[in-house]
């Protein structure tokens, strides 16, 4: 099953990196204004979810 999903996982990683790059810029602006550490933790969880990686 891992071999069957290998190509799909690579595509998700590439897309995840692109989204992460966009979110990183947004997060830095948001954190500068809000100064909310809890927000950065929530963003990290969202990034894992978008990339299809379990944070467990």
PDB file of N, CA and C in Angstrom:
ATOM      1  N   UNK A   1       0.832  -1.195   0.000  1.00  0.00           N
ATOM      2  CA  UNK A   1       0.000   0.000   0.000  1.00  0.00           C
ATOM      3  C   UNK A   1       0.875   1.256   0.000  1.00  0.00           C
ATOM      4  N   UNK A   2       1.990   1.215   0.696  1.00  0.00           N
ATOM      5  CA  UNK A   2       2.869   2.371   0.699  1.00  0.00           C
ATOM      6  C   UNK A   2       3.420   2.646  -0.695  1.00  0.00           C
ATOM      7  N   UNK A   3       3.782   1.585  -1.414  1.00  0.00           N
ATOM      8  CA  UNK A   3       4.295   1.780  -2.763  1.00  0.00           C
ATOM      9  C   UNK A   3       3.229   2.366  -3.675  1.00  0.00           C
ATOM     10  N   UNK A   4       1.984   1.931  -3.500  1.00  0.00           N
ATOM     11  CA  UNK A   4       0.891   2.425  -4.330  1.00  0.00           C
ATOM     12  C   UNK A   4       0.674   3.918  -4.094  1.00  0.00           C
ATOM     13  N   UNK A   5       0.864   4.359  -2.869  1.00  0.00           N
ATOM     14  CA  UNK A   5       0.618   5.757  -2.519  1.00  0.00           C
ATOM     15  C   UNK A   5       1.874   6.624  -2.610  1.00  0.00           C
ATOM     16  N   UNK A   6       3.000   6.027  -2.962  1.00  0.00           N
ATOM     17  CA  UNK A   6       4.259   6.767  -2.915  1.00  0.00           C
ATOM     18  C   UNK A   6       4.222   8.011  -3.796  1.00  0.00           C
ATOM     19  N   UNK A   7       3.757   7.860  -5.037  1.00  0.00           N
ATOM     20  CA  UNK A   7       3.723   9.008  -5.948  1.00  0.00           C
ATOM     21  C   UNK A   7       2.767  10.076  -5.426  1.00  0.00           C
ATOM     22  N   UNK A   8       1.618   9.644  -4.942  1.00  0.00           N
ATOM     23  CA  UNK A   8       0.644  10.592  -4.403  1.00  0.00           C
ATOM     24  C   UNK A   8       1.234  11.339  -3.209  1.00  0.00           C
ATOM     25  N   UNK A   9       1.954  10.632  -2.356  1.00  0.00           N
ATOM     26  CA  UNK A   9       2.565  11.263  -1.192  1.00  0.00           C
ATOM     27  C   UNK A   9       3.583  12.314  -1.620  1.00  0.00           C
ATOM     28  N   UNK A  10       4.348  12.024  -2.666  1.00  0.00           N
ATOM     29  CA  UNK A  10       5.316  13.003  -3.161  1.00  0.00           C
ATOM     30  C   UNK A  10       4.602  14.252  -3.650  1.00  0.00           C
ATOM     31  N   UNK A  11       3.497  14.076  -4.353  1.00  0.00           N
ATOM     32  CA  UNK A  11       2.734  15.226  -4.826  1.00  0.00           C
ATOM     33  C   UNK A  11       2.200  16.037  -3.656  1.00  0.00           C
ATOM     34  N   UNK A  12       1.709  15.362  -2.625  1.00  0.00           N
ATOM     35  CA  UNK A  12       1.200  16.071  -1.457  1.00  0.00           C
ATOM     36  C   UNK A  12       2.318  16.849  -0.778  1.00  0.00           C
ATOM     37  N   UNK A  13       3.506  16.267  -0.731  1.00  0.00           N
ATOM     38  CA  UNK A  13       4.624  16.957  -0.100  1.00  0.00           C
ATOM     39  C   UNK A  13       4.962  18.230  -0.863  1.00  0.00           C
ATOM     40  N   UNK A  14       5.010  18.138  -2.191  1.00  0.00           N
ATOM     41  CA  UNK A  14       5.317  19.322  -2.990  1.00  0.00           C
ATOM     42  C   UNK A  14       4.263  20.398  -2.785  1.00  0.00           C
ATOM     43  N   UNK A  15       2.994  20.016  -2.820  1.00  0.00           N
ATOM     44  CA  UNK A  15       1.927  20.987  -2.602  1.00  0.00           C
ATOM     45  C   UNK A  15       2.002  21.539  -1.189  1.00  0.00           C
ATOM     46  N   UNK A  16       2.287  20.672  -0.223  1.00  0.00           N
ATOM     47  CA  UNK A  16       2.384  21.110   1.159  1.00  0.00           C
ATOM     48  C   UNK A  16       3.490  22.130   1.346  1.00  0.00           C
ATOM     49  N   UNK A  17       4.617  21.918   0.683  1.00  0.00           N
ATOM     50  CA  UNK A  17       5.721  22.862   0.797  1.00  0.00           C
ATOM     51  C   UNK A  17       5.336  24.210   0.206  1.00  0.00           C
ATOM     52  N   UNK A  18       4.606  24.194  -0.905  1.00  0.00           N
ATOM     53  CA  UNK A  18       4.172  25.449  -1.514  1.00  0.00           C
ATOM     54  C   UNK A  18       3.216  26.185  -0.580  1.00  0.00           C
ATOM     55  N   UNK A  19       2.261  25.441  -0.021  1.00  0.00           N
ATOM     56  CA  UNK A  19       1.310  26.058   0.904  1.00  0.00           C
ATOM     57  C   UNK A  19       2.035  26.539   2.150  1.00  0.00           C
ATOM     58  N   UNK A  20       2.983  25.734   2.637  1.00  0.00           N
ATOM     59  CA  UNK A  20       3.739  26.129   3.829  1.00  0.00           C
ATOM     60  C   UNK A  20       4.460  27.450   3.584  1.00  0.00           C
ATOM     61  N   UNK A  21       5.050  27.594   2.398  1.00  0.00           N
ATOM     62  CA  UNK A  21       5.743  28.840   2.077  1.00  0.00           C
ATOM     63  C   UNK A  21       4.797  30.028   2.136  1.00  0.00           C
ATOM     64  N   UNK A  22       3.599  29.862   1.604  1.00  0.00           N
ATOM     65  CA  UNK A  22       2.616  30.944   1.640  1.00  0.00           C
ATOM     66  C   UNK A  22       2.163  31.212   3.065  1.00  0.00           C
ATOM     67  N   UNK A  23       1.899  30.128   3.811  1.00  0.00           N
ATOM     68  CA  UNK A  23       1.430  30.290   5.184  1.00  0.00           C
ATOM     69  C   UNK A  23       2.520  30.876   6.076  1.00  0.00           C
ATOM     70  N   UNK A  24       3.769  30.528   5.820  1.00  0.00           N
ATOM     71  CA  UNK A  24       4.861  31.030   6.654  1.00  0.00           C
ATOM     72  C   UNK A  24       4.908  32.550   6.578  1.00  0.00           C
ATOM     73  N   UNK A  25       4.739  33.090   5.384  1.00  0.00           N
ATOM     74  CA  UNK A  25       4.719  34.542   5.234  1.00  0.00           C
ATOM     75  C   UNK A  25       3.534  35.156   5.961  1.00  0.00           C
ATOM     76  N   UNK A  26       2.379  34.521   5.835  1.00  0.00           N
ATOM     77  CA  UNK A  26       1.187  35.028   6.517  1.00  0.00           C
ATOM     78  C   UNK A  26       1.344  34.928   8.026  1.00  0.00           C
ATOM     79  N   UNK A  27       1.859  33.775   8.490  1.00  0.00           N
ATOM     80  CA  UNK A  27       2.006  33.561   9.928  1.00  0.00           C
ATOM     81  C   UNK A  27       2.953  34.583  10.534  1.00  0.00           C
ATOM     82  N   UNK A  28       4.048  34.876   9.850  1.00  0.00           N
ATOM     83  CA  UNK A  28       5.001  35.818  10.425  1.00  0.00           C
ATOM     84  C   UNK A  28       4.336  37.180  10.598  1.00  0.00           C
ATOM     85  N   UNK A  29       3.517  37.593   9.620  1.00  0.00           N
ATOM     86  CA  UNK A  29       2.799  38.858   9.752  1.00  0.00           C
ATOM     87  C   UNK A  29       1.789  38.783  10.889  1.00  0.00           C
ATOM     88  N   UNK A  30       1.049  37.673  10.936  1.00  0.00           N
ATOM     89  CA  UNK A  30       0.008  37.519  11.955  1.00  0.00           C
ATOM     90  C   UNK A  30       0.612  37.513  13.352  1.00  0.00           C
ATOM     91  N   UNK A  31       1.693  36.761  13.531  1.00  0.00           N
ATOM     92  CA  UNK A  31       2.308  36.643  14.854  1.00  0.00           C
ATOM     93  C   UNK A  31       2.928  37.977  15.268  1.00  0.00           C
ATOM     94  N   UNK A  32       3.492  38.713  14.306  1.00  0.00           N
ATOM     95  CA  UNK A  32       4.056  40.021  14.633  1.00  0.00           C
ATOM     96  C   UNK A  32       2.976  40.927  15.224  1.00  0.00           C
ATOM     97  N   UNK A  33       1.775  40.863  14.665  1.00  0.00           N
ATOM     98  CA  UNK A  33       0.701  41.736  15.124  1.00  0.00           C
ATOM     99  C   UNK A  33       0.013  41.186  16.368  1.00  0.00           C
ATOM    100  N   UNK A  34      -0.229  39.874  16.392  1.00  0.00           N
ATOM    101  CA  UNK A  34      -1.009  39.294  17.484  1.00  0.00           C
ATOM    102  C   UNK A  34      -0.136  38.823  18.641  1.00  0.00           C
ATOM    103  N   UNK A  35       1.079  38.356  18.334  1.00  0.00           N
ATOM    104  CA  UNK A  35       1.955  37.857  19.383  1.00  0.00           C
ATOM    105  C   UNK A  35       1.344  36.669  20.110  1.00  0.00           C
ATOM    106  N   UNK A  36       0.639  35.802  19.369  1.00  0.00           N
ATOM    107  CA  UNK A  36      -0.122  34.714  19.995  1.00  0.00           C
ATOM    108  C   UNK A  36       0.580  33.389  19.749  1.00  0.00           C
ATOM    109  N   UNK A  37       1.245  32.843  20.785  1.00  0.00           N
ATOM    110  CA  UNK A  37       1.961  31.572  20.637  1.00  0.00           C
ATOM    111  C   UNK A  37       0.992  30.429  20.357  1.00  0.00           C
ATOM    112  N   UNK A  38      -0.195  30.482  20.919  1.00  0.00           N
ATOM    113  CA  UNK A  38      -1.183  29.423  20.695  1.00  0.00           C
ATOM    114  C   UNK A  38      -1.558  29.380  19.223  1.00  0.00           C
ATOM    115  N   UNK A  39      -1.643  30.513  18.576  1.00  0.00           N
ATOM    116  CA  UNK A  39      -1.960  30.558  17.155  1.00  0.00           C
ATOM    117  C   UNK A  39      -0.917  29.830  16.332  1.00  0.00           C
ATOM    118  N   UNK A  40       0.352  29.963  16.685  1.00  0.00           N
ATOM    119  CA  UNK A  40       1.398  29.288  15.918  1.00  0.00           C
ATOM    120  C   UNK A  40       1.289  27.777  16.079  1.00  0.00           C
ATOM    121  N   UNK A  41       0.894  27.298  17.244  1.00  0.00           N
ATOM    122  CA  UNK A  41       0.713  25.858  17.444  1.00  0.00           C
ATOM    123  C   UNK A  41      -0.439  25.358  16.582  1.00  0.00           C
ATOM    124  N   UNK A  42      -1.529  26.097  16.528  1.00  0.00           N
ATOM    125  CA  UNK A  42      -2.671  25.705  15.704  1.00  0.00           C
ATOM    126  C   UNK A  42      -2.281  25.686  14.234  1.00  0.00           C
ATOM    127  N   UNK A  43      -1.502  26.647  13.784  1.00  0.00           N
ATOM    128  CA  UNK A  43      -1.050  26.680  12.395  1.00  0.00           C
ATOM    129  C   UNK A  43      -0.212  25.453  12.079  1.00  0.00           C
ATOM    130  N   UNK A  44       0.663  25.065  13.009  1.00  0.00           N
ATOM    131  CA  UNK A  44       1.499  23.885  12.780  1.00  0.00           C
ATOM    132  C   UNK A  44       0.628  22.648  12.618  1.00  0.00           C
ATOM    133  N   UNK A  45      -0.398  22.508  13.437  1.00  0.00           N
ATOM    134  CA  UNK A  45      -1.299  21.362  13.323  1.00  0.00           C
ATOM    135  C   UNK A  45      -2.013  21.384  11.983  1.00  0.00           C
ATOM    136  N   UNK A  46      -2.407  22.551  11.525  1.00  0.00           N
ATOM    137  CA  UNK A  46      -3.085  22.676  10.233  1.00  0.00           C
ATOM    138  C   UNK A  46      -2.148  22.289   9.100  1.00  0.00           C
ATOM    139  N   UNK A  47      -0.871  22.673   9.209  1.00  0.00           N
ATOM    140  CA  UNK A  47       0.096  22.323   8.169  1.00  0.00           C
ATOM    141  C   UNK A  47       0.276  20.815   8.081  1.00  0.00           C
ATOM    142  N   UNK A  48       0.372  20.137   9.226  1.00  0.00           N
ATOM    143  CA  UNK A  48       0.483  18.679   9.212  1.00  0.00           C
ATOM    144  C   UNK A  48      -0.747  18.069   8.556  1.00  0.00           C
ATOM    145  N   UNK A  49      -1.918  18.580   8.874  1.00  0.00           N
ATOM    146  CA  UNK A  49      -3.153  18.032   8.312  1.00  0.00           C
ATOM    147  C   UNK A  49      -3.180  18.222   6.802  1.00  0.00           C
ATOM    148  N   UNK A  50      -2.755  19.381   6.323  1.00  0.00           N
ATOM    149  CA  UNK A  50      -2.777  19.649   4.884  1.00  0.00           C
ATOM    150  C   UNK A  50      -1.805  18.753   4.137  1.00  0.00           C
ATOM    151  N   UNK A  51      -0.692  18.443   4.753  1.00  0.00           N
ATOM    152  CA  UNK A  51       0.303  17.605   4.086  1.00  0.00           C
ATOM    153  C   UNK A  51      -0.021  16.124   4.228  1.00  0.00           C
ATOM    154  N   UNK A  52      -1.075  15.798   4.952  1.00  0.00           N
ATOM    155  CA  UNK A  52      -1.462  14.403   5.118  1.00  0.00           C
ATOM    156  C   UNK A  52      -0.535  13.645   6.044  1.00  0.00           C
ATOM    157  N   UNK A  53       0.116  14.368   6.965  1.00  0.00           N
ATOM    158  CA  UNK A  53       1.046  13.738   7.905  1.00  0.00           C
ATOM    159  C   UNK A  53       0.415  13.777   9.292  1.00  0.00           C
ATOM    160  N   UNK A  54       0.374  12.641   9.951  1.00  0.00           N
ATOM    161  CA  UNK A  54      -0.181  12.595  11.294  1.00  0.00           C
ATOM    162  C   UNK A  54       0.813  13.187  12.282  1.00  0.00           C
ATOM    163  N   UNK A  55       0.332  14.039  13.177  1.00  0.00           N
ATOM    164  CA  UNK A  55       1.208  14.642  14.184  1.00  0.00           C
ATOM    165  C   UNK A  55       1.334  13.755  15.410  1.00  0.00           C
ATOM    166  N   UNK A  56       0.699  12.583  15.407  1.00  0.00           N
ATOM    167  CA  UNK A  56       0.757  11.690  16.566  1.00  0.00           C
ATOM    168  C   UNK A  56       2.103  10.989  16.628  1.00  0.00           C
TER     169      UNK A  56
END
